[in-house]
Amino acid sequence: MGAPDYRMTDDEVWSAIATQRAAFLDLVTGLDPDDWSRPSLCAGWRVHDVAAHLTLAPASRPRDLVLPLLRARGDFDRMMDDVTRRSAARSREEILDDLRRAVGSRHLAPGTSPRVALVDALVHALDVAVPLGVDHPVPPLPGREAAERVWCVSFPFRARRRLAGFRLVATDAPWQRGTGPPVTGQVGALLLLLTGRPAALARLHGGGADLLSGTRAARTEEAP
């Protein structure tokens, strides 16, 4: 059994993006300045860096990527890390101003789609909220739409390959994918798993989740 046939329209997706961007703005505006320096779920990025990253797509143009790609020698992940860190050199106030301007924007980063923007809005909010212990629920229908996008498109997360042999089942949304031992939980936790965040495992259940947790623990014990 897979996800239902219904898909959100582009207008519904954009409405969800605006809602989630506004929620993220409320989240980071309400943090103490010291919280902006705390680690996020994105390896090597602080809360400050994640907030800066979310200002990039609504303002980016194809020409903005040429020099960063050259500096990164064509490595997308390295390029994204570089442009994010450069953007994060700005002050907290400047970043908040850009986040406010981005809330209702329908501008897309080159080569992306509204559903990519939805994934970014949902997942990066969790990247900040989870390590800070802030409750930031993912709405079921947008979460299902984002999970389906990550599952169906290989780049950049390769979720189907990484999670082959497991059945992912959302408990709060009509979505499940894959076959094998079950990995169950709220769609927000599944989104974290799909996008490669190990913190997801503490929020997931079932035999498949136990296997994934055991594999990760074994790798940690074997690390030099």
N, C-alpha and C. Protein backbone atom coordinates (compact mmCIF):
# COMPACT_ATOMS: atom_id res chain seq x y z
N MET A 1 0.86 -1.20 0.00
CA MET A 1 0.00 0.00 0.00
C MET A 1 0.89 1.24 0.00
N GLY A 2 0.57 2.21 -0.81
CA GLY A 2 1.37 3.42 -0.90
C GLY A 2 0.59 4.64 -0.48
N ALA A 3 1.07 5.79 -0.91
CA ALA A 3 0.39 7.04 -0.59
C ALA A 3 -0.88 7.15 -1.42
N PRO A 4 -1.87 7.91 -0.95
CA PRO A 4 -3.09 8.09 -1.73
C PRO A 4 -2.82 8.86 -3.00
N ASP A 5 -3.77 8.75 -3.95
CA ASP A 5 -3.58 9.42 -5.23
C ASP A 5 -3.63 10.95 -5.11
N TYR A 6 -4.34 11.46 -4.11
CA TYR A 6 -4.50 12.91 -4.00
C TYR A 6 -3.17 13.61 -3.80
N ARG A 7 -2.98 14.67 -4.57
CA ARG A 7 -1.81 15.53 -4.38
C ARG A 7 -2.28 16.96 -4.19
N MET A 8 -1.58 17.68 -3.37
CA MET A 8 -1.89 19.09 -3.18
C MET A 8 -1.64 19.82 -4.50
N THR A 9 -2.45 20.83 -4.79
CA THR A 9 -2.20 21.68 -5.94
C THR A 9 -1.02 22.59 -5.64
N ASP A 10 -0.47 23.21 -6.69
CA ASP A 10 0.64 24.13 -6.46
C ASP A 10 0.22 25.29 -5.55
N ASP A 11 -1.00 25.79 -5.72
CA ASP A 11 -1.46 26.87 -4.84
C ASP A 11 -1.53 26.41 -3.39
N GLU A 12 -1.99 25.19 -3.17
CA GLU A 12 -2.04 24.66 -1.81
C GLU A 12 -0.63 24.48 -1.24
N VAL A 13 0.29 24.04 -2.08
CA VAL A 13 1.67 23.89 -1.63
C VAL A 13 2.26 25.24 -1.24
N TRP A 14 2.04 26.25 -2.10
CA TRP A 14 2.57 27.58 -1.78
C TRP A 14 1.94 28.15 -0.52
N SER A 15 0.65 27.89 -0.31
CA SER A 15 0.01 28.34 0.92
C SER A 15 0.65 27.68 2.14
N ALA A 16 0.93 26.38 2.02
CA ALA A 16 1.58 25.67 3.12
C ALA A 16 2.99 26.20 3.36
N ILE A 17 3.71 26.51 2.29
CA ILE A 17 5.05 27.07 2.44
C ILE A 17 5.01 28.38 3.20
N ALA A 18 4.08 29.26 2.82
CA ALA A 18 3.96 30.55 3.51
C ALA A 18 3.65 30.35 4.99
N THR A 19 2.75 29.41 5.28
CA THR A 19 2.40 29.14 6.68
C THR A 19 3.61 28.64 7.46
N GLN A 20 4.37 27.73 6.85
CA GLN A 20 5.53 27.17 7.53
C GLN A 20 6.67 28.17 7.66
N ARG A 21 6.85 29.01 6.66
CA ARG A 21 7.87 30.06 6.78
C ARG A 21 7.51 31.04 7.90
N ALA A 22 6.24 31.38 8.01
CA ALA A 22 5.80 32.27 9.09
C ALA A 22 6.02 31.60 10.44
N ALA A 23 5.74 30.30 10.53
CA ALA A 23 5.95 29.58 11.79
C ALA A 23 7.43 29.52 12.15
N PHE A 24 8.28 29.33 11.15
CA PHE A 24 9.72 29.32 11.42
C PHE A 24 10.19 30.70 11.88
N LEU A 25 9.69 31.73 11.25
CA LEU A 25 10.03 33.09 11.66
C LEU A 25 9.64 33.32 13.12
N ASP A 26 8.44 32.90 13.50
CA ASP A 26 8.01 33.03 14.90
C ASP A 26 8.94 32.24 15.82
N LEU A 27 9.33 31.05 15.38
CA LEU A 27 10.20 30.20 16.19
C LEU A 27 11.54 30.88 16.48
N VAL A 28 12.22 31.33 15.43
CA VAL A 28 13.56 31.88 15.64
C VAL A 28 13.53 33.28 16.24
N THR A 29 12.46 34.03 15.97
CA THR A 29 12.33 35.35 16.59
C THR A 29 12.21 35.22 18.10
N GLY A 30 11.56 34.17 18.54
CA GLY A 30 11.34 33.97 19.97
C GLY A 30 12.51 33.36 20.71
N LEU A 31 13.58 33.01 20.01
CA LEU A 31 14.74 32.41 20.67
C LEU A 31 15.62 33.47 21.31
N ASP A 32 16.29 33.08 22.38
CA ASP A 32 17.31 33.95 22.96
C ASP A 32 18.49 34.04 21.99
N PRO A 33 19.21 35.16 21.99
CA PRO A 33 20.37 35.29 21.09
C PRO A 33 21.35 34.12 21.23
N ASP A 34 21.53 33.61 22.46
CA ASP A 34 22.47 32.49 22.64
C ASP A 34 22.01 31.24 21.90
N ASP A 35 20.70 31.08 21.77
CA ASP A 35 20.18 29.90 21.08
C ASP A 35 20.58 29.89 19.61
N TRP A 36 20.80 31.06 19.05
CA TRP A 36 21.20 31.13 17.64
C TRP A 36 22.58 30.53 17.40
N SER A 37 23.35 30.39 18.44
CA SER A 37 24.69 29.81 18.30
C SER A 37 24.72 28.32 18.59
N ARG A 38 23.58 27.75 18.95
CA ARG A 38 23.54 26.32 19.27
C ARG A 38 23.53 25.47 18.01
N PRO A 39 24.02 24.22 18.10
CA PRO A 39 24.03 23.34 16.93
C PRO A 39 22.62 22.98 16.48
N SER A 40 22.44 22.86 15.18
CA SER A 40 21.19 22.37 14.61
C SER A 40 21.38 20.90 14.25
N LEU A 41 20.37 20.29 13.64
CA LEU A 41 20.51 18.92 13.16
C LEU A 41 21.35 18.83 11.89
N CYS A 42 21.59 19.95 11.23
CA CYS A 42 22.45 19.97 10.04
C CYS A 42 23.90 19.97 10.50
N ALA A 43 24.64 18.95 10.14
CA ALA A 43 26.01 18.80 10.63
C ALA A 43 26.84 20.05 10.32
N GLY A 44 27.40 20.64 11.36
CA GLY A 44 28.27 21.80 11.20
C GLY A 44 27.56 23.13 11.14
N TRP A 45 26.24 23.11 11.15
CA TRP A 45 25.48 24.36 11.07
C TRP A 45 24.84 24.68 12.41
N ARG A 46 24.95 25.95 12.80
CA ARG A 46 24.23 26.45 13.97
C ARG A 46 22.80 26.83 13.57
N VAL A 47 21.99 27.15 14.57
CA VAL A 47 20.67 27.70 14.29
C VAL A 47 20.79 28.93 13.39
N HIS A 48 21.76 29.77 13.66
CA HIS A 48 22.02 30.98 12.86
C HIS A 48 22.22 30.61 11.38
N ASP A 49 22.98 29.54 11.13
CA ASP A 49 23.26 29.13 9.75
C ASP A 49 22.00 28.62 9.05
N VAL A 50 21.18 27.85 9.77
CA VAL A 50 19.95 27.33 9.18
C VAL A 50 19.02 28.49 8.81
N ALA A 51 18.90 29.46 9.72
CA ALA A 51 18.06 30.63 9.43
C ALA A 51 18.57 31.38 8.21
N ALA A 52 19.88 31.55 8.12
CA ALA A 52 20.46 32.23 6.96
C ALA A 52 20.20 31.43 5.68
N HIS A 53 20.32 30.12 5.77
CA HIS A 53 20.09 29.26 4.60
C HIS A 53 18.68 29.45 4.04
N LEU A 54 17.70 29.58 4.92
CA LEU A 54 16.31 29.70 4.46
C LEU A 54 16.00 31.05 3.82
N THR A 55 16.93 31.98 3.85
CA THR A 55 16.74 33.25 3.13
C THR A 55 17.27 33.16 1.70
N LEU A 56 17.98 32.10 1.35
CA LEU A 56 18.68 32.06 0.07
C LEU A 56 17.76 31.80 -1.12
N ALA A 57 16.98 30.73 -1.07
CA ALA A 57 16.17 30.33 -2.22
C ALA A 57 15.21 31.41 -2.69
N PRO A 58 14.50 32.12 -1.80
CA PRO A 58 13.54 33.13 -2.27
C PRO A 58 14.18 34.32 -2.97
N ALA A 59 15.51 34.41 -2.94
CA ALA A 59 16.17 35.56 -3.57
C ALA A 59 17.22 35.15 -4.60
N SER A 60 17.41 33.85 -4.84
CA SER A 60 18.53 33.41 -5.67
C SER A 60 18.20 33.50 -7.16
N ARG A 61 19.24 33.71 -7.96
CA ARG A 61 19.15 33.75 -9.41
C ARG A 61 20.22 32.80 -9.98
N PRO A 62 20.03 32.31 -11.22
CA PRO A 62 21.03 31.39 -11.78
C PRO A 62 22.45 31.94 -11.72
N ARG A 63 22.60 33.23 -11.98
CA ARG A 63 23.96 33.80 -11.97
C ARG A 63 24.60 33.75 -10.59
N ASP A 64 23.77 33.67 -9.54
CA ASP A 64 24.30 33.63 -8.18
C ASP A 64 25.02 32.32 -7.88
N LEU A 65 24.78 31.29 -8.69
CA LEU A 65 25.34 29.97 -8.42
C LEU A 65 26.64 29.69 -9.16
N VAL A 66 26.96 30.53 -10.13
CA VAL A 66 28.11 30.23 -10.99
C VAL A 66 29.40 30.22 -10.19
N LEU A 67 29.71 31.31 -9.51
CA LEU A 67 30.95 31.39 -8.75
C LEU A 67 30.99 30.37 -7.61
N PRO A 68 29.92 30.22 -6.82
CA PRO A 68 29.95 29.19 -5.78
C PRO A 68 30.20 27.78 -6.32
N LEU A 69 29.61 27.44 -7.48
CA LEU A 69 29.85 26.12 -8.06
C LEU A 69 31.30 25.95 -8.49
N LEU A 70 31.88 27.02 -9.00
CA LEU A 70 33.28 26.96 -9.38
C LEU A 70 34.16 26.77 -8.15
N ARG A 71 33.85 27.52 -7.09
CA ARG A 71 34.63 27.39 -5.86
C ARG A 71 34.53 25.97 -5.30
N ALA A 72 33.34 25.37 -5.44
CA ALA A 72 33.10 24.03 -4.90
C ALA A 72 33.50 22.93 -5.88
N ARG A 73 34.02 23.31 -7.05
CA ARG A 73 34.43 22.34 -8.08
C ARG A 73 33.28 21.41 -8.46
N GLY A 74 32.07 21.99 -8.53
CA GLY A 74 30.91 21.24 -8.97
C GLY A 74 30.24 20.40 -7.91
N ASP A 75 30.76 20.43 -6.69
CA ASP A 75 30.17 19.64 -5.59
C ASP A 75 29.00 20.41 -5.00
N PHE A 76 27.76 19.90 -5.18
CA PHE A 76 26.58 20.63 -4.74
C PHE A 76 26.56 20.84 -3.24
N ASP A 77 26.86 19.79 -2.46
CA ASP A 77 26.82 19.91 -1.01
C ASP A 77 27.85 20.94 -0.51
N ARG A 78 29.03 20.90 -1.10
CA ARG A 78 30.07 21.86 -0.70
C ARG A 78 29.66 23.28 -1.08
N MET A 79 29.04 23.42 -2.25
CA MET A 79 28.58 24.75 -2.67
C MET A 79 27.52 25.28 -1.69
N MET A 80 26.55 24.42 -1.33
CA MET A 80 25.49 24.86 -0.44
C MET A 80 26.03 25.25 0.93
N ASP A 81 26.99 24.49 1.42
CA ASP A 81 27.61 24.83 2.70
C ASP A 81 28.32 26.18 2.61
N ASP A 82 29.01 26.41 1.51
CA ASP A 82 29.75 27.65 1.33
C ASP A 82 28.82 28.86 1.27
N VAL A 83 27.78 28.79 0.44
CA VAL A 83 26.90 29.95 0.31
C VAL A 83 26.12 30.19 1.60
N THR A 84 25.80 29.11 2.31
CA THR A 84 25.09 29.28 3.59
C THR A 84 25.98 29.97 4.61
N ARG A 85 27.22 29.55 4.72
CA ARG A 85 28.13 30.17 5.69
C ARG A 85 28.40 31.64 5.34
N ARG A 86 28.48 31.94 4.07
CA ARG A 86 28.68 33.33 3.66
C ARG A 86 27.44 34.16 4.00
N SER A 87 26.27 33.58 3.79
CA SER A 87 25.03 34.28 4.13
C SER A 87 24.92 34.48 5.64
N ALA A 88 25.43 33.52 6.40
CA ALA A 88 25.34 33.58 7.86
C ALA A 88 26.30 34.59 8.47
N ALA A 89 27.16 35.19 7.64
CA ALA A 89 28.04 36.25 8.17
C ALA A 89 27.24 37.50 8.52
N ARG A 90 25.99 37.56 8.07
CA ARG A 90 25.13 38.70 8.39
C ARG A 90 24.63 38.63 9.82
N SER A 91 24.13 39.74 10.30
CA SER A 91 23.63 39.80 11.66
C SER A 91 22.28 39.08 11.79
N ARG A 92 21.93 38.77 13.02
CA ARG A 92 20.63 38.15 13.31
C ARG A 92 19.49 39.03 12.79
N GLU A 93 19.59 40.33 12.99
CA GLU A 93 18.53 41.25 12.56
C GLU A 93 18.37 41.25 11.04
N GLU A 94 19.49 41.23 10.32
CA GLU A 94 19.41 41.20 8.85
C GLU A 94 18.76 39.91 8.36
N ILE A 95 19.11 38.81 8.99
CA ILE A 95 18.52 37.53 8.59
C ILE A 95 17.03 37.50 8.89
N LEU A 96 16.62 38.01 10.04
CA LEU A 96 15.20 38.06 10.37
C LEU A 96 14.43 38.92 9.37
N ASP A 97 15.02 40.04 8.96
CA ASP A 97 14.37 40.89 7.97
C ASP A 97 14.15 40.13 6.66
N ASP A 98 15.17 39.37 6.23
CA ASP A 98 15.02 38.61 4.99
C ASP A 98 14.02 37.47 5.14
N LEU A 99 13.97 36.86 6.31
CA LEU A 99 12.97 35.81 6.54
C LEU A 99 11.56 36.38 6.46
N ARG A 100 11.36 37.59 6.96
CA ARG A 100 10.04 38.23 6.87
C ARG A 100 9.66 38.47 5.42
N ARG A 101 10.63 38.92 4.64
CA ARG A 101 10.34 39.18 3.22
C ARG A 101 10.06 37.89 2.45
N ALA A 102 10.61 36.79 2.92
CA ALA A 102 10.49 35.52 2.19
C ALA A 102 9.16 34.81 2.43
N VAL A 103 8.43 35.19 3.46
CA VAL A 103 7.25 34.41 3.86
C VAL A 103 6.30 34.16 2.70
N GLY A 104 5.90 35.20 1.99
CA GLY A 104 4.92 35.05 0.92
C GLY A 104 5.51 34.94 -0.47
N SER A 105 6.84 34.85 -0.56
CA SER A 105 7.49 34.80 -1.87
C SER A 105 7.20 33.47 -2.57
N ARG A 106 6.99 33.55 -3.90
CA ARG A 106 6.86 32.34 -4.71
C ARG A 106 8.04 32.19 -5.66
N HIS A 107 9.09 32.90 -5.37
CA HIS A 107 10.30 32.76 -6.18
C HIS A 107 10.99 31.44 -5.84
N LEU A 108 11.46 30.74 -6.85
CA LEU A 108 12.12 29.46 -6.67
C LEU A 108 13.61 29.54 -6.97
N ALA A 109 14.38 28.81 -6.21
CA ALA A 109 15.79 28.67 -6.55
C ALA A 109 15.92 27.96 -7.89
N PRO A 110 16.96 28.25 -8.66
CA PRO A 110 17.13 27.61 -9.97
C PRO A 110 17.07 26.10 -9.89
N GLY A 111 16.29 25.49 -10.79
CA GLY A 111 16.23 24.04 -10.88
C GLY A 111 15.37 23.37 -9.83
N THR A 112 14.59 24.14 -9.06
CA THR A 112 13.77 23.54 -8.01
C THR A 112 12.29 23.68 -8.36
N SER A 113 11.45 23.29 -7.41
CA SER A 113 10.00 23.31 -7.59
C SER A 113 9.35 23.72 -6.27
N PRO A 114 8.04 24.02 -6.29
CA PRO A 114 7.38 24.36 -5.02
C PRO A 114 7.51 23.26 -3.97
N ARG A 115 7.50 22.01 -4.39
CA ARG A 115 7.61 20.93 -3.40
C ARG A 115 9.00 20.84 -2.79
N VAL A 116 10.01 21.24 -3.51
CA VAL A 116 11.35 21.35 -2.92
C VAL A 116 11.35 22.44 -1.85
N ALA A 117 10.72 23.56 -2.14
CA ALA A 117 10.63 24.64 -1.16
C ALA A 117 9.84 24.18 0.07
N LEU A 118 8.82 23.35 -0.13
CA LEU A 118 8.06 22.82 1.00
C LEU A 118 8.93 21.92 1.87
N VAL A 119 9.70 21.04 1.25
CA VAL A 119 10.61 20.18 2.01
C VAL A 119 11.57 21.02 2.84
N ASP A 120 12.15 22.05 2.22
CA ASP A 120 13.08 22.92 2.93
C ASP A 120 12.41 23.58 4.14
N ALA A 121 11.22 24.11 3.94
CA ALA A 121 10.54 24.82 5.02
C ALA A 121 10.23 23.89 6.19
N LEU A 122 9.78 22.68 5.90
CA LEU A 122 9.40 21.75 6.95
C LEU A 122 10.62 21.16 7.66
N VAL A 123 11.59 20.68 6.89
CA VAL A 123 12.71 19.97 7.48
C VAL A 123 13.64 20.92 8.24
N HIS A 124 13.93 22.07 7.67
CA HIS A 124 14.85 22.97 8.35
C HIS A 124 14.26 23.56 9.62
N ALA A 125 12.94 23.69 9.69
CA ALA A 125 12.32 24.11 10.95
C ALA A 125 12.58 23.05 12.02
N LEU A 126 12.47 21.78 11.66
CA LEU A 126 12.77 20.70 12.61
C LEU A 126 14.26 20.67 12.96
N ASP A 127 15.11 21.03 12.01
CA ASP A 127 16.55 21.08 12.28
C ASP A 127 16.87 22.03 13.43
N VAL A 128 16.05 23.04 13.59
CA VAL A 128 16.22 24.01 14.68
C VAL A 128 15.45 23.57 15.92
N ALA A 129 14.20 23.18 15.74
CA ALA A 129 13.32 22.92 16.88
C ALA A 129 13.73 21.69 17.68
N VAL A 130 14.09 20.60 16.99
CA VAL A 130 14.37 19.34 17.68
C VAL A 130 15.53 19.47 18.67
N PRO A 131 16.71 19.96 18.25
CA PRO A 131 17.80 20.05 19.23
C PRO A 131 17.56 21.04 20.35
N LEU A 132 16.68 22.01 20.13
CA LEU A 132 16.36 22.97 21.18
C LEU A 132 15.23 22.48 22.08
N GLY A 133 14.64 21.33 21.74
CA GLY A 133 13.56 20.80 22.55
C GLY A 133 12.26 21.58 22.42
N VAL A 134 12.07 22.23 21.27
CA VAL A 134 10.87 23.03 21.02
C VAL A 134 9.87 22.19 20.23
N ASP A 135 8.63 22.15 20.69
CA ASP A 135 7.58 21.43 19.96
C ASP A 135 7.21 22.22 18.71
N HIS A 136 7.41 21.60 17.55
CA HIS A 136 7.12 22.27 16.28
C HIS A 136 6.49 21.24 15.35
N PRO A 137 5.21 20.95 15.53
CA PRO A 137 4.57 19.86 14.77
C PRO A 137 4.51 20.14 13.28
N VAL A 138 4.62 19.06 12.52
CA VAL A 138 4.50 19.13 11.06
C VAL A 138 3.05 18.82 10.70
N PRO A 139 2.37 19.70 9.96
CA PRO A 139 0.99 19.40 9.58
C PRO A 139 0.94 18.19 8.67
N PRO A 140 -0.01 17.28 8.90
CA PRO A 140 0.00 15.98 8.21
C PRO A 140 -0.01 16.05 6.69
N LEU A 141 -0.90 16.85 6.08
CA LEU A 141 -1.00 16.83 4.63
C LEU A 141 0.24 17.42 3.95
N PRO A 142 0.71 18.61 4.34
CA PRO A 142 1.98 19.09 3.77
C PRO A 142 3.13 18.14 4.07
N GLY A 143 3.12 17.54 5.26
CA GLY A 143 4.19 16.60 5.59
C GLY A 143 4.18 15.39 4.68
N ARG A 144 2.97 14.87 4.39
CA ARG A 144 2.84 13.76 3.46
C ARG A 144 3.35 14.13 2.07
N GLU A 145 3.00 15.35 1.63
CA GLU A 145 3.44 15.81 0.31
C GLU A 145 4.96 15.90 0.23
N ALA A 146 5.56 16.41 1.31
CA ALA A 146 7.02 16.54 1.34
C ALA A 146 7.68 15.17 1.39
N ALA A 147 7.13 14.25 2.20
CA ALA A 147 7.69 12.91 2.29
C ALA A 147 7.65 12.20 0.94
N GLU A 148 6.54 12.35 0.22
CA GLU A 148 6.42 11.73 -1.09
C GLU A 148 7.44 12.31 -2.07
N ARG A 149 7.67 13.60 -2.01
CA ARG A 149 8.67 14.23 -2.88
C ARG A 149 10.06 13.66 -2.61
N VAL A 150 10.44 13.57 -1.34
CA VAL A 150 11.78 13.06 -1.02
C VAL A 150 11.91 11.60 -1.41
N TRP A 151 10.86 10.82 -1.21
CA TRP A 151 10.90 9.40 -1.56
C TRP A 151 11.05 9.19 -3.07
N CYS A 152 10.35 9.98 -3.85
CA CYS A 152 10.26 9.74 -5.29
C CYS A 152 11.45 10.30 -6.08
N VAL A 153 12.15 11.26 -5.53
CA VAL A 153 13.25 11.91 -6.27
C VAL A 153 14.57 11.55 -5.61
N SER A 154 15.48 10.99 -6.37
CA SER A 154 16.73 10.49 -5.80
C SER A 154 17.59 11.60 -5.20
N PHE A 155 17.81 12.67 -5.96
CA PHE A 155 18.73 13.72 -5.51
C PHE A 155 18.02 14.68 -4.58
N PRO A 156 18.62 15.12 -3.49
CA PRO A 156 19.98 14.79 -3.04
C PRO A 156 20.02 13.74 -1.93
N PHE A 157 18.86 13.22 -1.49
CA PHE A 157 18.84 12.40 -0.27
C PHE A 157 18.94 10.91 -0.53
N ARG A 158 18.59 10.46 -1.73
CA ARG A 158 18.66 9.03 -2.09
C ARG A 158 17.93 8.15 -1.06
N ALA A 159 16.75 8.60 -0.68
CA ALA A 159 16.02 7.95 0.40
C ALA A 159 15.64 6.52 0.07
N ARG A 160 15.15 6.27 -1.14
CA ARG A 160 14.73 4.91 -1.49
C ARG A 160 15.89 3.93 -1.43
N ARG A 161 17.07 4.37 -1.84
CA ARG A 161 18.23 3.49 -1.79
C ARG A 161 18.69 3.27 -0.36
N ARG A 162 18.76 4.35 0.42
CA ARG A 162 19.23 4.24 1.80
C ARG A 162 18.30 3.39 2.66
N LEU A 163 16.99 3.49 2.38
CA LEU A 163 16.00 2.83 3.23
C LEU A 163 15.36 1.62 2.56
N ALA A 164 16.02 1.09 1.55
CA ALA A 164 15.53 -0.13 0.90
C ALA A 164 15.43 -1.25 1.93
N GLY A 165 14.33 -2.01 1.88
CA GLY A 165 14.14 -3.12 2.81
C GLY A 165 13.40 -2.75 4.07
N PHE A 166 12.86 -1.51 4.12
CA PHE A 166 12.07 -1.07 5.27
C PHE A 166 10.73 -0.51 4.77
N ARG A 167 9.71 -0.65 5.60
CA ARG A 167 8.40 -0.10 5.28
C ARG A 167 8.15 1.10 6.19
N LEU A 168 8.06 2.27 5.59
CA LEU A 168 7.84 3.51 6.34
C LEU A 168 6.34 3.77 6.43
N VAL A 169 5.84 3.99 7.63
CA VAL A 169 4.40 4.16 7.85
C VAL A 169 4.17 5.38 8.74
N ALA A 170 3.46 6.38 8.21
CA ALA A 170 3.11 7.55 9.00
C ALA A 170 1.89 7.24 9.86
N THR A 171 1.93 7.66 11.11
CA THR A 171 0.81 7.42 12.02
C THR A 171 -0.19 8.57 12.04
N ASP A 172 0.17 9.70 11.45
CA ASP A 172 -0.71 10.88 11.49
C ASP A 172 -1.08 11.38 10.10
N ALA A 173 -0.73 10.64 9.07
CA ALA A 173 -1.01 11.05 7.69
C ALA A 173 -1.16 9.79 6.84
N PRO A 174 -1.95 9.86 5.76
CA PRO A 174 -2.15 8.69 4.90
C PRO A 174 -0.95 8.47 3.98
N TRP A 175 0.15 7.95 4.54
CA TRP A 175 1.35 7.76 3.73
C TRP A 175 2.15 6.58 4.24
N GLN A 176 2.51 5.70 3.32
CA GLN A 176 3.48 4.64 3.61
C GLN A 176 4.17 4.23 2.33
N ARG A 177 5.42 3.85 2.47
CA ARG A 177 6.22 3.45 1.31
C ARG A 177 7.20 2.35 1.71
N GLY A 178 7.61 1.56 0.72
CA GLY A 178 8.60 0.53 0.94
C GLY A 178 8.00 -0.78 1.44
N THR A 179 8.85 -1.78 1.52
CA THR A 179 8.45 -3.10 2.02
C THR A 179 9.53 -3.60 2.97
N GLY A 180 9.07 -4.34 3.99
CA GLY A 180 10.01 -4.88 4.96
C GLY A 180 9.59 -4.56 6.37
N PRO A 181 10.48 -4.68 7.34
CA PRO A 181 10.16 -4.37 8.72
C PRO A 181 9.67 -2.93 8.85
N PRO A 182 8.63 -2.71 9.67
CA PRO A 182 8.02 -1.38 9.72
C PRO A 182 8.84 -0.36 10.51
N VAL A 183 8.80 0.86 9.99
CA VAL A 183 9.34 2.03 10.69
C VAL A 183 8.17 3.00 10.79
N THR A 184 7.64 3.18 11.98
CA THR A 184 6.41 3.96 12.13
C THR A 184 6.64 5.18 13.00
N GLY A 185 5.87 6.22 12.72
CA GLY A 185 5.96 7.45 13.50
C GLY A 185 5.25 8.58 12.79
N GLN A 186 5.23 9.73 13.41
CA GLN A 186 4.61 10.88 12.78
C GLN A 186 5.39 11.27 11.53
N VAL A 187 4.68 11.91 10.61
CA VAL A 187 5.29 12.20 9.31
C VAL A 187 6.49 13.13 9.44
N GLY A 188 6.51 13.99 10.46
CA GLY A 188 7.67 14.85 10.67
C GLY A 188 8.92 14.05 10.99
N ALA A 189 8.78 13.02 11.83
CA ALA A 189 9.92 12.16 12.14
C ALA A 189 10.37 11.37 10.92
N LEU A 190 9.41 10.91 10.11
CA LEU A 190 9.77 10.20 8.89
C LEU A 190 10.49 11.12 7.91
N LEU A 191 10.08 12.38 7.85
CA LEU A 191 10.78 13.35 7.00
C LEU A 191 12.24 13.49 7.42
N LEU A 192 12.47 13.54 8.72
CA LEU A 192 13.86 13.62 9.20
C LEU A 192 14.65 12.38 8.78
N LEU A 193 14.02 11.20 8.88
CA LEU A 193 14.69 9.98 8.45
C LEU A 193 14.96 9.99 6.96
N LEU A 194 13.97 10.37 6.17
CA LEU A 194 14.11 10.40 4.72
C LEU A 194 15.23 11.33 4.27
N THR A 195 15.43 12.41 5.01
CA THR A 195 16.45 13.40 4.63
C THR A 195 17.77 13.18 5.36
N GLY A 196 17.91 12.03 6.01
CA GLY A 196 19.21 11.64 6.55
C GLY A 196 19.56 12.18 7.91
N ARG A 197 18.56 12.56 8.71
CA ARG A 197 18.83 13.06 10.06
C ARG A 197 18.75 11.92 11.07
N PRO A 198 19.86 11.49 11.68
CA PRO A 198 19.83 10.39 12.64
C PRO A 198 18.94 10.66 13.85
N ALA A 199 18.71 11.92 14.20
CA ALA A 199 17.86 12.24 15.34
C ALA A 199 16.45 11.71 15.17
N ALA A 200 16.07 11.38 13.94
CA ALA A 200 14.73 10.84 13.69
C ALA A 200 14.50 9.54 14.43
N LEU A 201 15.55 8.74 14.62
CA LEU A 201 15.37 7.39 15.15
C LEU A 201 14.79 7.38 16.56
N ALA A 202 15.05 8.39 17.34
CA ALA A 202 14.49 8.46 18.69
C ALA A 202 13.00 8.71 18.68
N ARG A 203 12.45 9.10 17.52
CA ARG A 203 11.03 9.43 17.40
C ARG A 203 10.26 8.38 16.61
N LEU A 204 10.92 7.28 16.25
CA LEU A 204 10.29 6.26 15.41
C LEU A 204 10.24 4.93 16.14
N HIS A 205 9.33 4.06 15.68
CA HIS A 205 9.07 2.79 16.37
C HIS A 205 8.98 1.66 15.35
N GLY A 206 8.87 0.44 15.87
CA GLY A 206 8.71 -0.73 15.02
C GLY A 206 10.02 -1.48 14.84
N GLY A 207 9.88 -2.71 14.31
CA GLY A 207 11.05 -3.54 14.12
C GLY A 207 12.09 -2.92 13.21
N GLY A 208 11.63 -2.22 12.17
CA GLY A 208 12.57 -1.56 11.27
C GLY A 208 13.34 -0.45 11.95
N ALA A 209 12.66 0.32 12.80
CA ALA A 209 13.34 1.39 13.53
C ALA A 209 14.39 0.81 14.47
N ASP A 210 14.05 -0.34 15.11
CA ASP A 210 15.03 -0.97 16.00
C ASP A 210 16.25 -1.42 15.22
N LEU A 211 16.04 -1.97 14.03
CA LEU A 211 17.17 -2.40 13.20
C LEU A 211 18.04 -1.22 12.79
N LEU A 212 17.40 -0.12 12.38
CA LEU A 212 18.15 1.07 11.98
C LEU A 212 18.93 1.64 13.15
N SER A 213 18.32 1.67 14.33
CA SER A 213 19.01 2.19 15.51
C SER A 213 20.19 1.30 15.88
N GLY A 214 20.00 -0.01 15.79
CA GLY A 214 21.08 -0.93 16.10
C GLY A 214 22.24 -0.81 15.14
N THR A 215 21.93 -0.63 13.85
CA THR A 215 22.99 -0.46 12.86
C THR A 215 23.79 0.80 13.12
N ARG A 216 23.09 1.88 13.45
CA ARG A 216 23.78 3.14 13.72
C ARG A 216 24.62 3.02 14.98
N ALA A 217 24.10 2.35 16.01
CA ALA A 217 24.86 2.20 17.25
C ALA A 217 26.13 1.38 17.00
N ALA A 218 26.02 0.32 16.17
CA ALA A 218 27.18 -0.50 15.86
C ALA A 218 28.25 0.31 15.14
N ARG A 219 27.80 1.15 14.20
CA ARG A 219 28.76 1.98 13.46
C ARG A 219 29.46 2.95 14.38
N THR A 220 28.71 3.50 15.35
CA THR A 220 29.31 4.44 16.29
C THR A 220 30.35 3.76 17.16
N GLU A 221 30.05 2.53 17.61
CA GLU A 221 30.99 1.79 18.46
C GLU A 221 32.24 1.41 17.70
N GLU A 222 32.12 1.17 16.39
CA GLU A 222 33.27 0.77 15.59
C GLU A 222 34.11 1.94 15.13
N ALA A 223 33.59 3.15 15.24
CA ALA A 223 34.32 4.33 14.76
C ALA A 223 35.57 4.53 15.60
N PRO A 224 36.71 4.94 14.97
CA PRO A 224 37.94 5.14 15.72
C PRO A 224 37.83 6.32 16.66
